[in-house]
Amino acid sequence: MPNGRTLSLTPELVARVHRAIEDPGPLPGFEYLSETEYDAIVDALLAEAPRRNEVHLFACGSLIWRPACATDGQEPALLHGWHRSYCLRIRRFRGTVDRPGLMMGLDRGGACRGVVQRLAGADIKDRLGLLVRRESSNKPMTQAPRWVTVETARGRKRAIAICIIRSGPAYCRGTPEETADIIAHACGHWGSCAEYLMNTVQHLEELGIHDRYLWHLQELVAARIRALP
């Protein structure tokens, strides 16, 4: 890596916890957002946009290395009042009903360095629709898009961020050790939680963003995978 640090969580370790799992589809017992509701969320966001044919998205995790939609460039950004946290329990995608996983979200407090991605053009509504559909699915929502203010080298900007709702049913926080235990084992049809953590930390480091919380977490997860029989 450019900074000389070496990840403890390697592709070889991640491969040890990967399992081929079929997509179970929508899970029973959950209420899902309808297409009408998705469209209403996007319309509400665009109604608050500072400019008609341009919006910015704040990305701090997988949206950096696997964007939900086409973007028109990005730049470093700092968001105050929110921080990265593994606090979203999932039973699909990178977890299962029998072995739920944890995903990262933007939780209240602290600050977060990431990037702000620009969307421009007549298809903004369609692109935002892809973002909202990927990041929110169940009702009531545990994470949802909202407008925030970020700092960039060219000044402050309004941007859309996907933020945690602590009152949501999937909100779950534990100690780093408890979180690492879950990440080291959970896997779904999108891949493992360990793979997601490795990719996120790697891409952040390549951007010159060293998140001490995630760096410590990947060390804990790596140690647990090494200890697997």
C-alpha atoms as a PDB file:
ATOM      1  CA  MET A   1       0.000   0.000   0.000  1.00  0.00           C
ATOM      2  CA  PRO A   2       1.152   3.581  -0.578  1.00  0.00           C
ATOM      3  CA  ASN A   3       1.562   4.242   3.162  1.00  0.00           C
ATOM      4  CA  GLY A   4       3.607   1.098   3.793  1.00  0.00           C
ATOM      5  CA  ARG A   5       1.034  -0.545   6.085  1.00  0.00           C
ATOM      6  CA  THR A   6       0.138  -4.170   5.408  1.00  0.00           C
ATOM      7  CA  LEU A   7      -3.323  -5.577   5.930  1.00  0.00           C
ATOM      8  CA  SER A   8      -3.563  -8.545   8.280  1.00  0.00           C
ATOM      9  CA  LEU A   9      -6.786  -9.612   6.577  1.00  0.00           C
ATOM     10  CA  THR A  10      -5.568 -11.093   3.289  1.00  0.00           C
ATOM     11  CA  PRO A  11      -7.390 -12.613   0.292  1.00  0.00           C
ATOM     12  CA  GLU A  12      -6.137 -16.026   1.440  1.00  0.00           C
ATOM     13  CA  LEU A  13      -7.792 -15.611   4.841  1.00  0.00           C
ATOM     14  CA  VAL A  14     -10.982 -14.268   3.280  1.00  0.00           C
ATOM     15  CA  ALA A  15     -11.134 -17.316   0.993  1.00  0.00           C
ATOM     16  CA  ARG A  16     -11.230 -19.564   4.061  1.00  0.00           C
ATOM     17  CA  VAL A  17     -14.625 -18.219   5.135  1.00  0.00           C
ATOM     18  CA  HIS A  18     -16.220 -17.938   1.689  1.00  0.00           C
ATOM     19  CA  ARG A  19     -19.153 -20.261   1.005  1.00  0.00           C
ATOM     20  CA  ALA A  20     -21.261 -20.630  -2.119  1.00  0.00           C
ATOM     21  CA  ILE A  21     -24.732 -19.530  -1.027  1.00  0.00           C
ATOM     22  CA  GLU A  22     -27.796 -19.051  -3.209  1.00  0.00           C
ATOM     23  CA  ASP A  23     -29.834 -15.875  -2.930  1.00  0.00           C
ATOM     24  CA  PRO A  24     -32.841 -16.796  -0.760  1.00  0.00           C
ATOM     25  CA  GLY A  25     -34.810 -13.856  -2.142  1.00  0.00           C
ATOM     26  CA  PRO A  26     -37.030 -11.643   0.017  1.00  0.00           C
ATOM     27  CA  LEU A  27     -37.197 -13.108   3.520  1.00  0.00           C
ATOM     28  CA  PRO A  28     -40.518 -13.988   5.141  1.00  0.00           C
ATOM     29  CA  GLY A  29     -41.577 -11.801   8.026  1.00  0.00           C
ATOM     30  CA  PHE A  30     -40.097  -8.621   6.546  1.00  0.00           C
ATOM     31  CA  GLU A  31     -41.986  -5.740   4.956  1.00  0.00           C
ATOM     32  CA  TYR A  32     -40.262  -4.283   1.914  1.00  0.00           C
ATOM     33  CA  LEU A  33     -40.357  -0.863   0.313  1.00  0.00           C
ATOM     34  CA  SER A  34     -42.510  -0.621  -2.794  1.00  0.00           C
ATOM     35  CA  GLU A  35     -41.476   0.994  -6.067  1.00  0.00           C
ATOM     36  CA  THR A  36     -43.811   3.879  -5.270  1.00  0.00           C
ATOM     37  CA  GLU A  37     -42.087   4.385  -1.926  1.00  0.00           C
ATOM     38  CA  TYR A  38     -38.632   4.294  -3.532  1.00  0.00           C
ATOM     39  CA  ASP A  39     -39.704   6.925  -6.056  1.00  0.00           C
ATOM     40  CA  ALA A  40     -41.102   9.101  -3.262  1.00  0.00           C
ATOM     41  CA  ILE A  41     -37.776   8.952  -1.387  1.00  0.00           C
ATOM     42  CA  VAL A  42     -35.858  10.009  -4.507  1.00  0.00           C
ATOM     43  CA  ASP A  43     -38.326  12.822  -5.271  1.00  0.00           C
ATOM     44  CA  ALA A  44     -37.993  14.140  -1.714  1.00  0.00           C
ATOM     45  CA  LEU A  45     -34.193  14.152  -1.968  1.00  0.00           C
ATOM     46  CA  LEU A  46     -34.220  15.968  -5.298  1.00  0.00           C
ATOM     47  CA  ALA A  47     -36.662  18.543  -3.959  1.00  0.00           C
ATOM     48  CA  GLU A  48     -33.941  19.645  -1.500  1.00  0.00           C
ATOM     49  CA  ALA A  49     -31.056  19.575  -3.991  1.00  0.00           C
ATOM     50  CA  PRO A  50     -29.108  22.860  -4.190  1.00  0.00           C
ATOM     51  CA  ARG A  51     -28.933  22.502  -7.976  1.00  0.00           C
ATOM     52  CA  ARG A  52     -31.432  21.030 -10.378  1.00  0.00           C
ATOM     53  CA  ASN A  53     -29.141  18.841 -12.515  1.00  0.00           C
ATOM     54  CA  GLU A  54     -26.326  18.114 -10.063  1.00  0.00           C
ATOM     55  CA  VAL A  55     -26.135  16.274  -6.755  1.00  0.00           C
ATOM     56  CA  HIS A  56     -23.290  14.908  -4.652  1.00  0.00           C
ATOM     57  CA  LEU A  57     -23.100  11.623  -2.754  1.00  0.00           C
ATOM     58  CA  PHE A  58     -20.908  11.085   0.308  1.00  0.00           C
ATOM     59  CA  ALA A  59     -19.247   7.668   0.099  1.00  0.00           C
ATOM     60  CA  CYS A  60     -17.323   6.087   2.966  1.00  0.00           C
ATOM     61  CA  GLY A  61     -17.488   2.328   2.365  1.00  0.00           C
ATOM     62  CA  SER A  62     -18.507   0.079  -0.507  1.00  0.00           C
ATOM     63  CA  LEU A  63     -19.860   3.027  -2.484  1.00  0.00           C
ATOM     64  CA  ILE A  64     -16.192   3.947  -3.004  1.00  0.00           C
ATOM     65  CA  TRP A  65     -15.132   0.631  -4.510  1.00  0.00           C
ATOM     66  CA  ARG A  66     -18.505  -0.533  -5.871  1.00  0.00           C
ATOM     67  CA  PRO A  67     -20.648   2.518  -6.684  1.00  0.00           C
ATOM     68  CA  ALA A  68     -24.386   1.994  -6.899  1.00  0.00           C
ATOM     69  CA  CYS A  69     -24.587   4.065 -10.081  1.00  0.00           C
ATOM     70  CA  ALA A  70     -22.434   5.847 -12.619  1.00  0.00           C
ATOM     71  CA  THR A  71     -20.659   8.889 -11.184  1.00  0.00           C
ATOM     72  CA  ASP A  72     -19.040  11.953 -12.726  1.00  0.00           C
ATOM     73  CA  GLY A  73     -15.899  12.175 -10.630  1.00  0.00           C
ATOM     74  CA  GLN A  74     -15.113  12.397  -6.934  1.00  0.00           C
ATOM     75  CA  GLU A  75     -12.963  14.278  -4.433  1.00  0.00           C
ATOM     76  CA  PRO A  76     -11.941  13.815  -0.780  1.00  0.00           C
ATOM     77  CA  ALA A  77     -14.475  15.002   1.776  1.00  0.00           C
ATOM     78  CA  LEU A  78     -14.905  15.211   5.542  1.00  0.00           C
ATOM     79  CA  LEU A  79     -18.254  14.684   7.258  1.00  0.00           C
ATOM     80  CA  HIS A  80     -18.691  15.876  10.840  1.00  0.00           C
ATOM     81  CA  GLY A  81     -21.239  14.360  13.184  1.00  0.00           C
ATOM     82  CA  TRP A  82     -21.101  10.818  11.788  1.00  0.00           C
ATOM     83  CA  HIS A  83     -18.619   7.940  11.938  1.00  0.00           C
ATOM     84  CA  ARG A  84     -18.143   4.476  10.425  1.00  0.00           C
ATOM     85  CA  SER A  85     -19.583   1.699  12.553  1.00  0.00           C
ATOM     86  CA  TYR A  86     -20.433  -1.963  12.086  1.00  0.00           C
ATOM     87  CA  CYS A  87     -23.946  -1.640  13.450  1.00  0.00           C
ATOM     88  CA  LEU A  88     -26.318  -2.996  10.797  1.00  0.00           C
ATOM     89  CA  ARG A  89     -27.378  -6.611  11.290  1.00  0.00           C
ATOM     90  CA  ILE A  90     -28.193  -8.393   8.035  1.00  0.00           C
ATOM     91  CA  ARG A  91     -29.740 -11.772   7.246  1.00  0.00           C
ATOM     92  CA  ARG A  92     -29.257 -11.617   3.500  1.00  0.00           C
ATOM     93  CA  PHE A  93     -26.551 -10.473   1.034  1.00  0.00           C
ATOM     94  CA  ARG A  94     -23.510 -11.006   3.330  1.00  0.00           C
ATOM     95  CA  GLY A  95     -25.271 -13.037   5.983  1.00  0.00           C
ATOM     96  CA  THR A  96     -28.013 -15.611   6.392  1.00  0.00           C
ATOM     97  CA  VAL A  97     -30.948 -16.200   8.709  1.00  0.00           C
ATOM     98  CA  ASP A  98     -28.986 -18.920  10.503  1.00  0.00           C
ATOM     99  CA  ARG A  99     -25.785 -16.843  10.741  1.00  0.00           C
ATOM    100  CA  PRO A 100     -26.531 -13.126  10.431  1.00  0.00           C
ATOM    101  CA  GLY A 101     -23.778 -10.754   9.425  1.00  0.00           C
ATOM    102  CA  LEU A 102     -22.926  -7.150  10.183  1.00  0.00           C
ATOM    103  CA  MET A 103     -22.540  -4.334   7.715  1.00  0.00           C
ATOM    104  CA  MET A 104     -20.982  -0.942   8.150  1.00  0.00           C
ATOM    105  CA  GLY A 105     -23.017   2.239   8.322  1.00  0.00           C
ATOM    106  CA  LEU A 106     -22.724   5.903   9.219  1.00  0.00           C
ATOM    107  CA  ASP A 107     -23.669   6.212  12.871  1.00  0.00           C
ATOM    108  CA  ARG A 108     -24.098   9.350  14.973  1.00  0.00           C
ATOM    109  CA  GLY A 109     -21.073  11.078  16.492  1.00  0.00           C
ATOM    110  CA  GLY A 110     -17.464  11.835  15.597  1.00  0.00           C
ATOM    111  CA  ALA A 111     -16.313  12.473  12.058  1.00  0.00           C
ATOM    112  CA  CYS A 112     -15.698  10.500   8.886  1.00  0.00           C
ATOM    113  CA  ARG A 113     -13.307  10.987   6.003  1.00  0.00           C
ATOM    114  CA  GLY A 114     -14.453   9.697   2.641  1.00  0.00           C
ATOM    115  CA  VAL A 115     -15.153  10.996  -0.840  1.00  0.00           C
ATOM    116  CA  VAL A 116     -17.948  13.015  -2.364  1.00  0.00           C
ATOM    117  CA  GLN A 117     -19.114  11.728  -5.734  1.00  0.00           C
ATOM    118  CA  ARG A 118     -20.750  13.987  -8.305  1.00  0.00           C
ATOM    119  CA  LEU A 119     -23.827  13.099 -10.319  1.00  0.00           C
ATOM    120  CA  ALA A 120     -24.836  15.378 -13.161  1.00  0.00           C
ATOM    121  CA  GLY A 121     -27.210  15.236 -16.105  1.00  0.00           C
ATOM    122  CA  ALA A 122     -30.791  14.486 -16.935  1.00  0.00           C
ATOM    123  CA  ASP A 123     -30.702  10.930 -15.533  1.00  0.00           C
ATOM    124  CA  ILE A 124     -29.977  11.907 -11.915  1.00  0.00           C
ATOM    125  CA  LYS A 125     -33.337  10.558 -10.731  1.00  0.00           C
ATOM    126  CA  ASP A 126     -32.654   7.152 -12.273  1.00  0.00           C
ATOM    127  CA  ARG A 127     -29.177   6.998 -10.754  1.00  0.00           C
ATOM    128  CA  LEU A 128     -30.390   8.022  -7.321  1.00  0.00           C
ATOM    129  CA  GLY A 129     -33.045   5.350  -7.637  1.00  0.00           C
ATOM    130  CA  LEU A 130     -30.336   2.709  -8.016  1.00  0.00           C
ATOM    131  CA  LEU A 131     -28.590   4.022  -4.901  1.00  0.00           C
ATOM    132  CA  VAL A 132     -31.715   4.046  -2.755  1.00  0.00           C
ATOM    133  CA  ARG A 133     -32.784   0.572  -3.861  1.00  0.00           C
ATOM    134  CA  ARG A 134     -29.380  -0.872  -3.015  1.00  0.00           C
ATOM    135  CA  GLU A 135     -28.994   0.735   0.388  1.00  0.00           C
ATOM    136  CA  SER A 136     -32.547   0.468   1.776  1.00  0.00           C
ATOM    137  CA  SER A 137     -35.000  -2.393   1.484  1.00  0.00           C
ATOM    138  CA  ASN A 138     -36.931  -3.224   4.666  1.00  0.00           C
ATOM    139  CA  LYS A 139     -39.556  -1.234   6.537  1.00  0.00           C
ATOM    140  CA  PRO A 140     -39.112   0.370   8.964  1.00  0.00           C
ATOM    141  CA  MET A 141     -35.704   1.428   7.641  1.00  0.00           C
ATOM    142  CA  THR A 142     -32.517   1.195   9.703  1.00  0.00           C
ATOM    143  CA  GLN A 143     -30.534   3.295   7.265  1.00  0.00           C
ATOM    144  CA  ALA A 144     -31.789   5.898   4.847  1.00  0.00           C
ATOM    145  CA  PRO A 145     -30.487   8.693   2.600  1.00  0.00           C
ATOM    146  CA  ARG A 146     -30.381  12.217   4.003  1.00  0.00           C
ATOM    147  CA  TRP A 147     -28.774  15.540   3.185  1.00  0.00           C
ATOM    148  CA  VAL A 148     -25.569  16.415   5.047  1.00  0.00           C
ATOM    149  CA  THR A 149     -22.857  19.058   4.738  1.00  0.00           C
ATOM    150  CA  VAL A 150     -19.310  17.931   3.906  1.00  0.00           C
ATOM    151  CA  GLU A 151     -16.041  19.810   3.759  1.00  0.00           C
ATOM    152  CA  THR A 152     -13.842  19.598   0.662  1.00  0.00           C
ATOM    153  CA  ALA A 153     -10.731  21.386  -0.569  1.00  0.00           C
ATOM    154  CA  ARG A 154     -13.056  23.606  -2.612  1.00  0.00           C
ATOM    155  CA  GLY A 155     -15.352  24.471   0.268  1.00  0.00           C
ATOM    156  CA  ARG A 156     -18.463  23.082   1.903  1.00  0.00           C
ATOM    157  CA  LYS A 157     -20.995  21.111  -0.114  1.00  0.00           C
ATOM    158  CA  ARG A 158     -24.392  19.615   0.457  1.00  0.00           C
ATOM    159  CA  ALA A 159     -24.361  15.898  -0.220  1.00  0.00           C
ATOM    160  CA  ILE A 160     -26.567  12.848   0.194  1.00  0.00           C
ATOM    161  CA  ALA A 161     -25.306  10.283   2.695  1.00  0.00           C
ATOM    162  CA  ILE A 162     -26.752   6.924   3.726  1.00  0.00           C
ATOM    163  CA  CYS A 163     -27.106   7.242   7.494  1.00  0.00           C
ATOM    164  CA  ILE A 164     -28.094   4.901  10.293  1.00  0.00           C
ATOM    165  CA  ILE A 165     -31.428   5.283  12.079  1.00  0.00           C
ATOM    166  CA  ARG A 166     -30.757   4.010  15.593  1.00  0.00           C
ATOM    167  CA  SER A 167     -34.428   3.268  16.225  1.00  0.00           C
ATOM    168  CA  GLY A 168     -34.458   0.878  13.252  1.00  0.00           C
ATOM    169  CA  PRO A 169     -34.937  -2.855  13.905  1.00  0.00           C
ATOM    170  CA  ALA A 170     -31.592  -3.882  12.383  1.00  0.00           C
ATOM    171  CA  TYR A 171     -29.481  -1.511  14.502  1.00  0.00           C
ATOM    172  CA  CYS A 172     -26.992  -3.519  16.539  1.00  0.00           C
ATOM    173  CA  ARG A 173     -23.752  -2.461  18.226  1.00  0.00           C
ATOM    174  CA  GLY A 174     -21.260  -4.592  20.103  1.00  0.00           C
ATOM    175  CA  THR A 175     -17.666  -4.463  21.235  1.00  0.00           C
ATOM    176  CA  PRO A 176     -14.911  -4.738  18.609  1.00  0.00           C
ATOM    177  CA  GLU A 177     -14.338  -8.308  19.766  1.00  0.00           C
ATOM    178  CA  GLU A 178     -18.009  -9.245  19.392  1.00  0.00           C
ATOM    179  CA  THR A 179     -18.142  -7.544  16.001  1.00  0.00           C
ATOM    180  CA  ALA A 180     -15.028  -9.386  14.824  1.00  0.00           C
ATOM    181  CA  ASP A 181     -16.519 -12.740  15.856  1.00  0.00           C
ATOM    182  CA  ILE A 182     -19.523 -12.115  13.600  1.00  0.00           C
ATOM    183  CA  ILE A 183     -17.519 -10.766  10.643  1.00  0.00           C
ATOM    184  CA  ALA A 184     -15.103 -13.704  10.747  1.00  0.00           C
ATOM    185  CA  HIS A 185     -17.916 -16.207  10.105  1.00  0.00           C
ATOM    186  CA  ALA A 186     -20.790 -14.537   8.249  1.00  0.00           C
ATOM    187  CA  CYS A 187     -21.269 -15.053   4.515  1.00  0.00           C
ATOM    188  CA  GLY A 188     -24.139 -14.653   2.070  1.00  0.00           C
ATOM    189  CA  HIS A 189     -24.752 -14.760  -1.670  1.00  0.00           C
ATOM    190  CA  TRP A 190     -22.891 -11.434  -2.127  1.00  0.00           C
ATOM    191  CA  GLY A 191     -19.836 -12.856  -0.348  1.00  0.00           C
ATOM    192  CA  SER A 192     -18.487 -12.712   3.182  1.00  0.00           C
ATOM    193  CA  CYS A 193     -18.431  -9.890   5.695  1.00  0.00           C
ATOM    194  CA  ALA A 194     -14.667 -10.411   5.901  1.00  0.00           C
ATOM    195  CA  GLU A 195     -14.340  -9.737   2.176  1.00  0.00           C
ATOM    196  CA  TYR A 196     -16.320  -6.511   2.513  1.00  0.00           C
ATOM    197  CA  LEU A 197     -14.111  -5.349   5.401  1.00  0.00           C
ATOM    198  CA  MET A 198     -10.898  -6.170   3.529  1.00  0.00           C
ATOM    199  CA  ASN A 199     -12.003  -4.337   0.382  1.00  0.00           C
ATOM    200  CA  THR A 200     -13.160  -1.297   2.321  1.00  0.00           C
ATOM    201  CA  VAL A 201      -9.971  -0.914   4.358  1.00  0.00           C
ATOM    202  CA  GLN A 202      -7.786  -1.518   1.307  1.00  0.00           C
ATOM    203  CA  HIS A 203      -9.521   1.141  -0.799  1.00  0.00           C
ATOM    204  CA  LEU A 204      -9.545   3.649   2.041  1.00  0.00           C
ATOM    205  CA  GLU A 205      -5.809   3.189   2.554  1.00  0.00           C
ATOM    206  CA  GLU A 206      -5.196   3.650  -1.173  1.00  0.00           C
ATOM    207  CA  LEU A 207      -7.018   6.975  -0.888  1.00  0.00           C
ATOM    208  CA  GLY A 208      -4.852   7.962   2.064  1.00  0.00           C
ATOM    209  CA  ILE A 209      -7.664   7.434   4.585  1.00  0.00           C
ATOM    210  CA  HIS A 210      -6.576   5.511   7.670  1.00  0.00           C
ATOM    211  CA  ASP A 211      -9.584   4.563   9.777  1.00  0.00           C
ATOM    212  CA  ARG A 212      -8.193   3.300  13.103  1.00  0.00           C
ATOM    213  CA  TYR A 213     -11.457   1.570  14.023  1.00  0.00           C
ATOM    214  CA  LEU A 214     -11.564  -0.452  10.797  1.00  0.00           C
ATOM    215  CA  TRP A 215      -7.822  -1.146  10.890  1.00  0.00           C
ATOM    216  CA  HIS A 216      -8.089  -2.636  14.391  1.00  0.00           C
ATOM    217  CA  LEU A 217     -11.167  -4.583  13.353  1.00  0.00           C
ATOM    218  CA  GLN A 218      -9.453  -6.194  10.363  1.00  0.00           C
ATOM    219  CA  GLU A 219      -6.615  -7.298  12.661  1.00  0.00           C
ATOM    220  CA  LEU A 220      -9.120  -8.915  15.036  1.00  0.00           C
ATOM    221  CA  VAL A 221     -10.974 -10.636  12.180  1.00  0.00           C
ATOM    222  CA  ALA A 222      -7.740 -11.928  10.657  1.00  0.00           C
ATOM    223  CA  ALA A 223      -6.704 -13.443  13.995  1.00  0.00           C
ATOM    224  CA  ARG A 224     -10.056 -15.200  14.345  1.00  0.00           C
ATOM    225  CA  ILE A 225      -9.935 -16.661  10.848  1.00  0.00           C
ATOM    226  CA  ARG A 226      -6.408 -17.936  11.426  1.00  0.00           C
ATOM    227  CA  ALA A 227      -7.666 -19.720  14.541  1.00  0.00           C
ATOM    228  CA  LEU A 228     -10.430 -21.549  12.664  1.00  0.00           C
ATOM    229  CA  PRO A 229      -9.991 -25.340  12.523  1.00  0.00           C
END
